[in-house]
PDB file of all heavy atoms in Angstrom:
ATOM      1  N   MET A   1       0.827  -1.208   0.000  1.00  0.00           N
ATOM      2  CA  MET A   1       0.000   0.000   0.000  1.00  0.00           C
ATOM      3  C   MET A   1       0.862   1.259   0.000  1.00  0.00           C
ATOM      4  O   MET A   1       0.564   2.234  -0.700  1.00  0.00           O
ATOM      5  CB  MET A   1      -0.923  -0.008   1.217  1.00  0.00           C
ATOM      6  CG  MET A   1      -2.057  -1.039   1.124  1.00  0.00           C
ATOM      7  SD  MET A   1      -2.907  -1.316   2.692  1.00  0.00           S
ATOM      8  CE  MET A   1      -3.784   0.242   2.861  1.00  0.00           C
ATOM      9  N   LYS A   2       1.934   1.251   0.757  1.00  0.00           N
ATOM     10  CA  LYS A   2       2.829   2.411   0.782  1.00  0.00           C
ATOM     11  C   LYS A   2       3.477   2.618  -0.584  1.00  0.00           C
ATOM     12  O   LYS A   2       3.605   3.748  -1.073  1.00  0.00           O
ATOM     13  CB  LYS A   2       3.901   2.232   1.848  1.00  0.00           C
ATOM     14  CG  LYS A   2       4.793   3.459   2.040  1.00  0.00           C
ATOM     15  CD  LYS A   2       5.787   3.233   3.141  1.00  0.00           C
ATOM     16  CE  LYS A   2       6.599   4.521   3.380  1.00  0.00           C
ATOM     17  NZ  LYS A   2       7.259   5.016   2.176  1.00  0.00           N
ATOM     18  N   SER A   3       3.875   1.493  -1.226  1.00  0.00           N
ATOM     19  CA  SER A   3       4.488   1.599  -2.548  1.00  0.00           C
ATOM     20  C   SER A   3       3.498   2.184  -3.557  1.00  0.00           C
ATOM     21  O   SER A   3       3.851   3.070  -4.338  1.00  0.00           O
ATOM     22  CB  SER A   3       4.951   0.212  -3.006  1.00  0.00           C
ATOM     23  OG  SER A   3       5.389   0.235  -4.344  1.00  0.00           O
ATOM     24  N   VAL A   4       2.248   1.717  -3.537  1.00  0.00           N
ATOM     25  CA  VAL A   4       1.241   2.216  -4.468  1.00  0.00           C
ATOM     26  C   VAL A   4       0.962   3.690  -4.212  1.00  0.00           C
ATOM     27  O   VAL A   4       0.818   4.493  -5.146  1.00  0.00           O
ATOM     28  CB  VAL A   4      -0.054   1.387  -4.352  1.00  0.00           C
ATOM     29  CG1 VAL A   4      -1.181   2.019  -5.161  1.00  0.00           C
ATOM     30  CG2 VAL A   4       0.191  -0.040  -4.838  1.00  0.00           C
ATOM     31  N   ARG A   5       0.890   4.079  -2.936  1.00  0.00           N
ATOM     32  CA  ARG A   5       0.623   5.477  -2.611  1.00  0.00           C
ATOM     33  C   ARG A   5       1.763   6.385  -3.085  1.00  0.00           C
ATOM     34  O   ARG A   5       1.517   7.489  -3.589  1.00  0.00           O
ATOM     35  CB  ARG A   5       0.407   5.619  -1.107  1.00  0.00           C
ATOM     36  CG  ARG A   5      -0.169   6.959  -0.703  1.00  0.00           C
ATOM     37  CD  ARG A   5      -0.525   6.936   0.780  1.00  0.00           C
ATOM     38  NE  ARG A   5      -1.041   8.222   1.205  1.00  0.00           N
ATOM     39  CZ  ARG A   5      -2.308   8.605   1.061  1.00  0.00           C
ATOM     40  NH1 ARG A   5      -3.167   7.784   0.500  1.00  0.00           N
ATOM     41  NH2 ARG A   5      -2.709   9.794   1.472  1.00  0.00           N
ATOM     42  N   ASP A   6       2.999   5.927  -2.934  1.00  0.00           N
ATOM     43  CA  ASP A   6       4.140   6.711  -3.420  1.00  0.00           C
ATOM     44  C   ASP A   6       4.087   6.873  -4.942  1.00  0.00           C
ATOM     45  O   ASP A   6       4.382   7.951  -5.477  1.00  0.00           O
ATOM     46  CB  ASP A   6       5.453   6.044  -3.010  1.00  0.00           C
ATOM     47  CG  ASP A   6       5.691   6.105  -1.503  1.00  0.00           C
ATOM     48  OD1 ASP A   6       5.020   6.932  -0.830  1.00  0.00           O
ATOM     49  OD2 ASP A   6       6.526   5.336  -1.006  1.00  0.00           O
ATOM     50  N   ARG A   7       3.715   5.813  -5.632  1.00  0.00           N
ATOM     51  CA  ARG A   7       3.618   5.887  -7.088  1.00  0.00           C
ATOM     52  C   ARG A   7       2.496   6.828  -7.513  1.00  0.00           C
ATOM     53  O   ARG A   7       2.607   7.551  -8.504  1.00  0.00           O
ATOM     54  CB  ARG A   7       3.391   4.493  -7.659  1.00  0.00           C
ATOM     55  CG  ARG A   7       4.626   3.591  -7.567  1.00  0.00           C
ATOM     56  CD  ARG A   7       4.264   2.126  -7.684  1.00  0.00           C
ATOM     57  NE  ARG A   7       3.634   1.809  -8.965  1.00  0.00           N
ATOM     58  CZ  ARG A   7       3.006   0.674  -9.219  1.00  0.00           C
ATOM     59  NH1 ARG A   7       2.906  -0.239  -8.275  1.00  0.00           N
ATOM     60  NH2 ARG A   7       2.472   0.465 -10.408  1.00  0.00           N
ATOM     61  N   LEU A   8       1.396   6.840  -6.756  1.00  0.00           N
ATOM     62  CA  LEU A   8       0.310   7.775  -7.042  1.00  0.00           C
ATOM     63  C   LEU A   8       0.786   9.216  -6.949  1.00  0.00           C
ATOM     64  O   LEU A   8       0.430  10.069  -7.770  1.00  0.00           O
ATOM     65  CB  LEU A   8      -0.851   7.544  -6.065  1.00  0.00           C
ATOM     66  CG  LEU A   8      -1.973   6.605  -6.515  1.00  0.00           C
ATOM     67  CD1 LEU A   8      -2.929   6.348  -5.368  1.00  0.00           C
ATOM     68  CD2 LEU A   8      -2.708   7.193  -7.699  1.00  0.00           C
ATOM     69  N   ALA A   9       1.597   9.488  -5.925  1.00  0.00           N
ATOM     70  CA  ALA A   9       2.107  10.850  -5.753  1.00  0.00           C
ATOM     71  C   ALA A   9       2.983  11.257  -6.935  1.00  0.00           C
ATOM     72  O   ALA A   9       2.939  12.399  -7.398  1.00  0.00           O
ATOM     73  CB  ALA A   9       2.888  10.955  -4.446  1.00  0.00           C
ATOM     74  N   LEU A  10       3.780  10.296  -7.452  1.00  0.00           N
ATOM     75  CA  LEU A  10       4.646  10.600  -8.574  1.00  0.00           C
ATOM     76  C   LEU A  10       3.842  10.850  -9.852  1.00  0.00           C
ATOM     77  O   LEU A  10       4.178  11.716 -10.663  1.00  0.00           O
ATOM     78  CB  LEU A  10       5.623   9.442  -8.805  1.00  0.00           C
ATOM     79  CG  LEU A  10       6.695   9.238  -7.713  1.00  0.00           C
ATOM     80  CD1 LEU A  10       7.508   7.986  -8.000  1.00  0.00           C
ATOM     81  CD2 LEU A  10       7.604  10.467  -7.639  1.00  0.00           C
ATOM     82  N   VAL A  11       2.776  10.079 -10.038  1.00  0.00           N
ATOM     83  CA  VAL A  11       1.960  10.231 -11.239  1.00  0.00           C
ATOM     84  C   VAL A  11       1.223  11.563 -11.244  1.00  0.00           C
ATOM     85  O   VAL A  11       0.898  12.110 -12.292  1.00  0.00           O
ATOM     86  CB  VAL A  11       0.976   9.045 -11.348  1.00  0.00           C
ATOM     87  CG1 VAL A  11      -0.068   9.290 -12.425  1.00  0.00           C
ATOM     88  CG2 VAL A  11       1.747   7.762 -11.659  1.00  0.00           C
ATOM     89  N   GLY A  12       0.953  12.093 -10.068  1.00  0.00           N
ATOM     90  CA  GLY A  12       0.273  13.381 -10.009  1.00  0.00           C
ATOM     91  C   GLY A  12      -0.900  13.392  -9.058  1.00  0.00           C
ATOM     92  O   GLY A  12      -1.580  14.405  -8.918  1.00  0.00           O
ATOM     93  N   GLY A  13      -1.118  12.248  -8.402  1.00  0.00           N
ATOM     94  CA  GLY A  13      -2.165  12.205  -7.392  1.00  0.00           C
ATOM     95  C   GLY A  13      -3.553  12.397  -7.945  1.00  0.00           C
ATOM     96  O   GLY A  13      -4.420  13.010  -7.312  1.00  0.00           O
ATOM     97  N   ILE A  14      -3.801  11.924  -9.170  1.00  0.00           N
ATOM     98  CA  ILE A  14      -5.135  12.066  -9.751  1.00  0.00           C
ATOM     99  C   ILE A  14      -6.022  10.966  -9.178  1.00  0.00           C
ATOM    100  O   ILE A  14      -5.730   9.787  -9.322  1.00  0.00           O
ATOM    101  CB  ILE A  14      -5.066  11.957 -11.281  1.00  0.00           C
ATOM    102  CG1 ILE A  14      -4.103  12.996 -11.833  1.00  0.00           C
ATOM    103  CG2 ILE A  14      -6.455  12.121 -11.892  1.00  0.00           C
ATOM    104  CD1 ILE A  14      -3.863  12.855 -13.314  1.00  0.00           C
ATOM    105  N   HIS A  15      -7.105  11.302  -8.499  1.00  0.00           N
ATOM    106  CA  HIS A  15      -7.974  10.340  -7.835  1.00  0.00           C
ATOM    107  C   HIS A  15      -9.266  10.162  -8.624  1.00  0.00           C
ATOM    108  O   HIS A  15      -9.742  11.077  -9.296  1.00  0.00           O
ATOM    109  CB  HIS A  15      -8.314  10.804  -6.412  1.00  0.00           C
ATOM    110  CG  HIS A  15      -7.103  10.935  -5.547  1.00  0.00           C
ATOM    111  ND1 HIS A  15      -6.439   9.848  -5.042  1.00  0.00           N
ATOM    112  CD2 HIS A  15      -6.434  12.038  -5.112  1.00  0.00           C
ATOM    113  CE1 HIS A  15      -5.418  10.256  -4.328  1.00  0.00           C
ATOM    114  NE2 HIS A  15      -5.385  11.580  -4.355  1.00  0.00           N
ATOM    115  N   THR A  16      -9.830   9.014  -8.496  1.00  0.00           N
ATOM    116  CA  THR A  16     -11.066   8.721  -9.228  1.00  0.00           C
ATOM    117  C   THR A  16     -12.251   9.539  -8.726  1.00  0.00           C
ATOM    118  O   THR A  16     -13.268   9.646  -9.423  1.00  0.00           O
ATOM    119  CB  THR A  16     -11.421   7.232  -9.096  1.00  0.00           C
ATOM    120  OG1 THR A  16     -11.524   6.899  -7.715  1.00  0.00           O
ATOM    121  CG2 THR A  16     -10.369   6.357  -9.728  1.00  0.00           C
ATOM    122  N   ASP A  17     -12.128  10.132  -7.529  1.00  0.00           N
ATOM    123  CA  ASP A  17     -13.277  10.908  -7.053  1.00  0.00           C
ATOM    124  C   ASP A  17     -13.446  12.216  -7.825  1.00  0.00           C
ATOM    125  O   ASP A  17     -14.418  12.948  -7.598  1.00  0.00           O
ATOM    126  CB  ASP A  17     -13.157  11.174  -5.553  1.00  0.00           C
ATOM    127  CG  ASP A  17     -11.884  11.913  -5.183  1.00  0.00           C
ATOM    128  OD1 ASP A  17     -11.120  12.300  -6.084  1.00  0.00           O
ATOM    129  OD2 ASP A  17     -11.668  12.090  -3.972  1.00  0.00           O
ATOM    130  N   ARG A  18     -12.495  12.553  -8.750  1.00  0.00           N
ATOM    131  CA  ARG A  18     -12.685  13.729  -9.603  1.00  0.00           C
ATOM    132  C   ARG A  18     -13.712  13.461 -10.694  1.00  0.00           C
ATOM    133  O   ARG A  18     -14.217  14.371 -11.321  1.00  0.00           O
ATOM    134  CB  ARG A  18     -11.345  14.130 -10.246  1.00  0.00           C
ATOM    135  CG  ARG A  18     -10.342  14.698  -9.232  1.00  0.00           C
ATOM    136  CD  ARG A  18      -9.086  15.186  -9.928  1.00  0.00           C
ATOM    137  NE  ARG A  18      -8.136  15.755  -8.989  1.00  0.00           N
ATOM    138  CZ  ARG A  18      -6.946  16.219  -9.337  1.00  0.00           C
ATOM    139  NH1 ARG A  18      -6.568  16.183 -10.596  1.00  0.00           N
ATOM    140  NH2 ARG A  18      -6.144  16.724  -8.425  1.00  0.00           N
ATOM    141  N   ILE A  19     -13.941  12.181 -10.927  1.00  0.00           N
ATOM    142  CA  ILE A  19     -14.919  11.828 -11.966  1.00  0.00           C
ATOM    143  C   ILE A  19     -16.282  11.825 -11.302  1.00  0.00           C
ATOM    144  O   ILE A  19     -16.714  10.845 -10.717  1.00  0.00           O
ATOM    145  CB  ILE A  19     -14.582  10.464 -12.584  1.00  0.00           C
ATOM    146  CG1 ILE A  19     -13.143  10.458 -13.104  1.00  0.00           C
ATOM    147  CG2 ILE A  19     -15.542  10.115 -13.697  1.00  0.00           C
ATOM    148  CD1 ILE A  19     -12.708   9.129 -13.665  1.00  0.00           C
ATOM    149  N   THR A  20     -16.968  12.947 -11.385  1.00  0.00           N
ATOM    150  CA  THR A  20     -18.187  13.149 -10.602  1.00  0.00           C
ATOM    151  C   THR A  20     -19.470  12.893 -11.385  1.00  0.00           C
ATOM    152  O   THR A  20     -20.554  12.930 -10.796  1.00  0.00           O
ATOM    153  CB  THR A  20     -18.227  14.590 -10.072  1.00  0.00           C
ATOM    154  OG1 THR A  20     -18.183  15.495 -11.176  1.00  0.00           O
ATOM    155  CG2 THR A  20     -17.048  14.846  -9.157  1.00  0.00           C
ATOM    156  N   LYS A  21     -19.343  12.642 -12.691  1.00  0.00           N
ATOM    157  CA  LYS A  21     -20.551  12.523 -13.500  1.00  0.00           C
ATOM    158  C   LYS A  21     -20.804  11.095 -13.961  1.00  0.00           C
ATOM    159  O   LYS A  21     -21.508  10.871 -14.935  1.00  0.00           O
ATOM    160  CB  LYS A  21     -20.462  13.444 -14.725  1.00  0.00           C
ATOM    161  CG  LYS A  21     -20.381  14.927 -14.358  1.00  0.00           C
ATOM    162  CD  LYS A  21     -20.359  15.782 -15.601  1.00  0.00           C
ATOM    163  CE  LYS A  21     -20.280  17.275 -15.253  1.00  0.00           C
ATOM    164  NZ  LYS A  21     -20.269  18.122 -16.456  1.00  0.00           N
ATOM    165  N   ALA A  22     -20.238  10.150 -13.255  1.00  0.00           N
ATOM    166  CA  ALA A  22     -20.440   8.757 -13.651  1.00  0.00           C
ATOM    167  C   ALA A  22     -21.906   8.381 -13.528  1.00  0.00           C
ATOM    168  O   ALA A  22     -22.587   8.748 -12.577  1.00  0.00           O
ATOM    169  CB  ALA A  22     -19.591   7.841 -12.775  1.00  0.00           C
ATOM    170  N   GLN A  23     -22.412   7.675 -14.531  1.00  0.00           N
ATOM    171  CA  GLN A  23     -23.783   7.176 -14.513  1.00  0.00           C
ATOM    172  C   GLN A  23     -23.751   5.713 -14.087  1.00  0.00           C
ATOM    173  O   GLN A  23     -23.144   4.877 -14.755  1.00  0.00           O
ATOM    174  CB  GLN A  23     -24.421   7.313 -15.895  1.00  0.00           C
ATOM    175  CG  GLN A  23     -24.575   8.765 -16.349  1.00  0.00           C
ATOM    176  CD  GLN A  23     -25.134   8.874 -17.753  1.00  0.00           C
ATOM    177  OE1 GLN A  23     -25.382   7.857 -18.411  1.00  0.00           O
ATOM    178  NE2 GLN A  23     -25.332  10.096 -18.226  1.00  0.00           N
ATOM    179  N   LEU A  24     -24.379   5.409 -12.961  1.00  0.00           N
ATOM    180  CA  LEU A  24     -24.322   4.074 -12.371  1.00  0.00           C
ATOM    181  C   LEU A  24     -25.710   3.450 -12.394  1.00  0.00           C
ATOM    182  O   LEU A  24     -26.693   4.075 -11.995  1.00  0.00           O
ATOM    183  CB  LEU A  24     -23.811   4.149 -10.931  1.00  0.00           C
ATOM    184  CG  LEU A  24     -22.487   4.901 -10.720  1.00  0.00           C
ATOM    185  CD1 LEU A  24     -22.162   4.985  -9.237  1.00  0.00           C
ATOM    186  CD2 LEU A  24     -21.361   4.210 -11.475  1.00  0.00           C
ATOM    187  N   SER A  25     -25.767   2.208 -12.842  1.00  0.00           N
ATOM    188  CA  SER A  25     -27.033   1.471 -12.864  1.00  0.00           C
ATOM    189  C   SER A  25     -26.788   0.075 -12.317  1.00  0.00           C
ATOM    190  O   SER A  25     -25.719  -0.515 -12.511  1.00  0.00           O
ATOM    191  CB  SER A  25     -27.594   1.370 -14.286  1.00  0.00           C
ATOM    192  OG  SER A  25     -27.857   2.659 -14.815  1.00  0.00           O
ATOM    193  N   VAL A  26     -27.811  -0.446 -11.639  1.00  0.00           N
ATOM    194  CA  VAL A  26     -27.752  -1.806 -11.111  1.00  0.00           C
ATOM    195  C   VAL A  26     -28.957  -2.575 -11.647  1.00  0.00           C
ATOM    196  O   VAL A  26     -30.094  -2.118 -11.528  1.00  0.00           O
ATOM    197  CB  VAL A  26     -27.766  -1.810  -9.568  1.00  0.00           C
ATOM    198  CG1 VAL A  26     -27.900  -3.234  -9.039  1.00  0.00           C
ATOM    199  CG2 VAL A  26     -26.495  -1.170  -9.024  1.00  0.00           C
ATOM    200  N   PHE A  27     -28.696  -3.714 -12.263  1.00  0.00           N
ATOM    201  CA  PHE A  27     -29.754  -4.598 -12.737  1.00  0.00           C
ATOM    202  C   PHE A  27     -29.909  -5.719 -11.714  1.00  0.00           C
ATOM    203  O   PHE A  27     -28.947  -6.434 -11.419  1.00  0.00           O
ATOM    204  CB  PHE A  27     -29.400  -5.167 -14.116  1.00  0.00           C
ATOM    205  CG  PHE A  27     -29.316  -4.107 -15.175  1.00  0.00           C
ATOM    206  CD1 PHE A  27     -28.119  -3.416 -15.391  1.00  0.00           C
ATOM    207  CD2 PHE A  27     -30.423  -3.771 -15.934  1.00  0.00           C
ATOM    208  CE1 PHE A  27     -28.026  -2.432 -16.357  1.00  0.00           C
ATOM    209  CE2 PHE A  27     -30.335  -2.789 -16.913  1.00  0.00           C
ATOM    210  CZ  PHE A  27     -29.146  -2.102 -17.118  1.00  0.00           C
ATOM    211  N   ARG A  28     -31.108  -5.850 -11.169  1.00  0.00           N
ATOM    212  CA  ARG A  28     -31.346  -6.756 -10.041  1.00  0.00           C
ATOM    213  C   ARG A  28     -32.570  -7.606 -10.312  1.00  0.00           C
ATOM    214  O   ARG A  28     -33.581  -7.130 -10.819  1.00  0.00           O
ATOM    215  CB  ARG A  28     -31.539  -5.951  -8.759  1.00  0.00           C
ATOM    216  CG  ARG A  28     -31.851  -6.771  -7.531  1.00  0.00           C
ATOM    217  CD  ARG A  28     -31.887  -5.890  -6.288  1.00  0.00           C
ATOM    218  NE  ARG A  28     -30.587  -5.268  -6.063  1.00  0.00           N
ATOM    219  CZ  ARG A  28     -30.373  -4.311  -5.166  1.00  0.00           C
ATOM    220  NH1 ARG A  28     -31.371  -3.849  -4.438  1.00  0.00           N
ATOM    221  NH2 ARG A  28     -29.161  -3.803  -5.010  1.00  0.00           N
ATOM    222  N   LYS A  29     -32.470  -8.891  -9.932  1.00  0.00           N
ATOM    223  CA  LYS A  29     -33.606  -9.799 -10.044  1.00  0.00           C
ATOM    224  C   LYS A  29     -34.199 -10.042  -8.669  1.00  0.00           C
ATOM    225  O   LYS A  29     -33.471 -10.202  -7.696  1.00  0.00           O
ATOM    226  CB  LYS A  29     -33.175 -11.146 -10.646  1.00  0.00           C
ATOM    227  CG  LYS A  29     -32.888 -11.101 -12.140  1.00  0.00           C
ATOM    228  CD  LYS A  29     -32.595 -12.497 -12.661  1.00  0.00           C
ATOM    229  CE  LYS A  29     -32.360 -12.477 -14.176  1.00  0.00           C
ATOM    230  NZ  LYS A  29     -32.083 -13.845 -14.686  1.00  0.00           N
ATOM    231  N   ASP A  30     -35.518 -10.054  -8.596  1.00  0.00           N
ATOM    232  CA  ASP A  30     -36.203 -10.413  -7.365  1.00  0.00           C
ATOM    233  C   ASP A  30     -37.429 -11.244  -7.728  1.00  0.00           C
ATOM    234  O   ASP A  30     -37.564 -11.711  -8.865  1.00  0.00           O
ATOM    235  CB  ASP A  30     -36.590  -9.169  -6.551  1.00  0.00           C
ATOM    236  CG  ASP A  30     -37.398  -8.162  -7.365  1.00  0.00           C
ATOM    237  OD1 ASP A  30     -38.040  -8.590  -8.347  1.00  0.00           O
ATOM    238  OD2 ASP A  30     -37.387  -6.960  -7.029  1.00  0.00           O
ATOM    239  N   ALA A  31     -38.321 -11.428  -6.772  1.00  0.00           N
ATOM    240  CA  ALA A  31     -39.493 -12.271  -7.015  1.00  0.00           C
ATOM    241  C   ALA A  31     -40.379 -11.716  -8.121  1.00  0.00           C
ATOM    242  O   ALA A  31     -41.116 -12.454  -8.785  1.00  0.00           O
ATOM    243  CB  ALA A  31     -40.303 -12.425  -5.715  1.00  0.00           C
ATOM    244  N   LYS A  32     -40.317 -10.391  -8.351  1.00  0.00           N
ATOM    245  CA  LYS A  32     -41.156  -9.765  -9.371  1.00  0.00           C
ATOM    246  C   LYS A  32     -40.488  -9.742 -10.739  1.00  0.00           C
ATOM    247  O   LYS A  32     -41.087  -9.298 -11.711  1.00  0.00           O
ATOM    248  CB  LYS A  32     -41.497  -8.338  -8.942  1.00  0.00           C
ATOM    249  CG  LYS A  32     -42.285  -8.264  -7.636  1.00  0.00           C
ATOM    250  CD  LYS A  32     -42.561  -6.822  -7.242  1.00  0.00           C
ATOM    251  CE  LYS A  32     -43.329  -6.736  -5.942  1.00  0.00           C
ATOM    252  NZ  LYS A  32     -43.576  -5.329  -5.532  1.00  0.00           N
ATOM    253  N   GLY A  33     -39.233 -10.163 -10.807  1.00  0.00           N
ATOM    254  CA  GLY A  33     -38.520 -10.134 -12.077  1.00  0.00           C
ATOM    255  C   GLY A  33     -37.321  -9.214 -12.020  1.00  0.00           C
ATOM    256  O   GLY A  33     -36.895  -8.767 -10.951  1.00  0.00           O
ATOM    257  N   ALA A  34     -36.742  -8.910 -13.186  1.00  0.00           N
ATOM    258  CA  ALA A  34     -35.556  -8.056 -13.265  1.00  0.00           C
ATOM    259  C   ALA A  34     -35.968  -6.593 -13.341  1.00  0.00           C
ATOM    260  O   ALA A  34     -36.984  -6.239 -13.937  1.00  0.00           O
ATOM    261  CB  ALA A  34     -34.718  -8.433 -14.486  1.00  0.00           C
ATOM    262  N   SER A  35     -35.135  -5.739 -12.737  1.00  0.00           N
ATOM    263  CA  SER A  35     -35.403  -4.300 -12.769  1.00  0.00           C
ATOM    264  C   SER A  35     -34.088  -3.545 -12.837  1.00  0.00           C
ATOM    265  O   SER A  35     -33.048  -4.041 -12.416  1.00  0.00           O
ATOM    266  CB  SER A  35     -36.196  -3.867 -11.520  1.00  0.00           C
ATOM    267  OG  SER A  35     -35.469  -4.163 -10.341  1.00  0.00           O
ATOM    268  N   ARG A  36     -34.159  -2.331 -13.382  1.00  0.00           N
ATOM    269  CA  ARG A  36     -32.979  -1.467 -13.492  1.00  0.00           C
ATOM    270  C   ARG A  36     -33.115  -0.374 -12.433  1.00  0.00           C
ATOM    271  O   ARG A  36     -34.128   0.303 -12.352  1.00  0.00           O
ATOM    272  CB  ARG A  36     -32.878  -0.857 -14.890  1.00  0.00           C
ATOM    273  CG  ARG A  36     -31.704   0.094 -15.073  1.00  0.00           C
ATOM    274  CD  ARG A  36     -31.712   0.680 -16.485  1.00  0.00           C
ATOM    275  NE  ARG A  36     -30.624   1.583 -16.693  1.00  0.00           N
ATOM    276  CZ  ARG A  36     -30.618   2.869 -16.365  1.00  0.00           C
ATOM    277  NH1 ARG A  36     -31.713   3.382 -15.787  1.00  0.00           N
ATOM    278  NH2 ARG A  36     -29.577   3.631 -16.595  1.00  0.00           N
ATOM    279  N   ILE A  37     -32.051  -0.202 -11.621  1.00  0.00           N
ATOM    280  CA  ILE A  37     -32.071   0.760 -10.520  1.00  0.00           C
ATOM    281  C   ILE A  37     -31.020   1.835 -10.785  1.00  0.00           C
ATOM    282  O   ILE A  37     -29.822   1.536 -10.806  1.00  0.00           O
ATOM    283  CB  ILE A  37     -31.763   0.081  -9.176  1.00  0.00           C
ATOM    284  CG1 ILE A  37     -32.730  -1.079  -8.934  1.00  0.00           C
ATOM    285  CG2 ILE A  37     -31.833   1.083  -8.028  1.00  0.00           C
ATOM    286  CD1 ILE A  37     -32.367  -1.924  -7.727  1.00  0.00           C
ATOM    287  N   PRO A  38     -31.417   3.095 -11.004  1.00  0.00           N
ATOM    288  CA  PRO A  38     -30.419   4.176 -11.030  1.00  0.00           C
ATOM    289  C   PRO A  38     -29.761   4.244  -9.654  1.00  0.00           C
ATOM    290  O   PRO A  38     -30.450   4.243  -8.627  1.00  0.00           O
ATOM    291  CB  PRO A  38     -31.254   5.425 -11.331  1.00  0.00           C
ATOM    292  CG  PRO A  38     -32.553   4.916 -11.881  1.00  0.00           C
ATOM    293  CD  PRO A  38     -32.791   3.599 -11.224  1.00  0.00           C
ATOM    294  N   ALA A  39     -28.440   4.268  -9.611  1.00  0.00           N
ATOM    295  CA  ALA A  39     -27.747   4.059  -8.339  1.00  0.00           C
ATOM    296  C   ALA A  39     -26.776   5.185  -8.017  1.00  0.00           C
ATOM    297  O   ALA A  39     -26.395   5.986  -8.866  1.00  0.00           O
ATOM    298  CB  ALA A  39     -27.002   2.724  -8.375  1.00  0.00           C
ATOM    299  N   THR A  40     -26.379   5.215  -6.737  1.00  0.00           N
ATOM    300  CA  THR A  40     -25.300   6.072  -6.253  1.00  0.00           C
ATOM    301  C   THR A  40     -24.194   5.183  -5.705  1.00  0.00           C
ATOM    302  O   THR A  40     -24.360   3.969  -5.573  1.00  0.00           O
ATOM    303  CB  THR A  40     -25.799   7.015  -5.138  1.00  0.00           C
ATOM    304  OG1 THR A  40     -26.199   6.221  -4.008  1.00  0.00           O
ATOM    305  CG2 THR A  40     -26.978   7.852  -5.620  1.00  0.00           C
ATOM    306  N   ASP A  41     -23.056   5.796  -5.368  1.00  0.00           N
ATOM    307  CA  ASP A  41     -21.924   5.021  -4.860  1.00  0.00           C
ATOM    308  C   ASP A  41     -22.264   4.254  -3.592  1.00  0.00           C
ATOM    309  O   ASP A  41     -21.667   3.212  -3.315  1.00  0.00           O
ATOM    310  CB  ASP A  41     -20.727   5.951  -4.575  1.00  0.00           C
ATOM    311  CG  ASP A  41     -20.089   6.456  -5.846  1.00  0.00           C
ATOM    312  OD1 ASP A  41     -20.374   5.876  -6.909  1.00  0.00           O
ATOM    313  OD2 ASP A  41     -19.317   7.430  -5.778  1.00  0.00           O
ATOM    314  N   ASP A  42     -23.197   4.758  -2.799  1.00  0.00           N
ATOM    315  CA  ASP A  42     -23.491   4.161  -1.494  1.00  0.00           C
ATOM    316  C   ASP A  42     -24.591   3.113  -1.546  1.00  0.00           C
ATOM    317  O   ASP A  42     -24.991   2.595  -0.506  1.00  0.00           O
ATOM    318  CB  ASP A  42     -23.886   5.258  -0.491  1.00  0.00           C
ATOM    319  CG  ASP A  42     -22.731   6.230  -0.243  1.00  0.00           C
ATOM    320  OD1 ASP A  42     -21.586   5.756  -0.211  1.00  0.00           O
ATOM    321  OD2 ASP A  42     -22.992   7.431  -0.091  1.00  0.00           O
ATOM    322  N   LEU A  43     -25.104   2.779  -2.737  1.00  0.00           N
ATOM    323  CA  LEU A  43     -26.135   1.751  -2.828  1.00  0.00           C
ATOM    324  C   LEU A  43     -25.572   0.416  -2.368  1.00  0.00           C
ATOM    325  O   LEU A  43     -24.495   0.001  -2.776  1.00  0.00           O
ATOM    326  CB  LEU A  43     -26.630   1.628  -4.274  1.00  0.00           C
ATOM    327  CG  LEU A  43     -27.673   0.519  -4.499  1.00  0.00           C
ATOM    328  CD1 LEU A  43     -28.995   0.887  -3.844  1.00  0.00           C
ATOM    329  CD2 LEU A  43     -27.862   0.241  -5.980  1.00  0.00           C
ATOM    330  N   GLU A  44     -26.307  -0.260  -1.506  1.00  0.00           N
ATOM    331  CA  GLU A  44     -25.876  -1.557  -0.999  1.00  0.00           C
ATOM    332  C   GLU A  44     -26.291  -2.644  -1.989  1.00  0.00           C
ATOM    333  O   GLU A  44     -27.458  -2.740  -2.373  1.00  0.00           O
ATOM    334  CB  GLU A  44     -26.505  -1.813   0.370  1.00  0.00           C
ATOM    335  CG  GLU A  44     -25.718  -2.801   1.204  1.00  0.00           C
ATOM    336  CD  GLU A  44     -26.205  -2.858   2.634  1.00  0.00           C
ATOM    337  OE1 GLU A  44     -26.110  -1.826   3.327  1.00  0.00           O
ATOM    338  OE2 GLU A  44     -26.697  -3.927   3.056  1.00  0.00           O
ATOM    339  N   LEU A  45     -25.315  -3.456  -2.409  1.00  0.00           N
ATOM    340  CA  LEU A  45     -25.570  -4.491  -3.412  1.00  0.00           C
ATOM    341  C   LEU A  45     -26.065  -5.770  -2.748  1.00  0.00           C
ATOM    342  O   LEU A  45     -25.909  -5.965  -1.540  1.00  0.00           O
ATOM    343  CB  LEU A  45     -24.294  -4.779  -4.197  1.00  0.00           C
ATOM    344  CG  LEU A  45     -23.691  -3.596  -4.971  1.00  0.00           C
ATOM    345  CD1 LEU A  45     -22.398  -4.027  -5.652  1.00  0.00           C
ATOM    346  CD2 LEU A  45     -24.674  -3.056  -6.001  1.00  0.00           C
TER     347      LEU A  45
END
């Protein structure tokens, strides 16, 4: 983990949390059938 963090600093420290417009969807099956759920990062799978 320390090695990866050091390499991140060298690359420029660009983090994925800068990508704020990601469109997330979850396709889930239940007793009623399959459904598409517009999701956020905190949705519990």
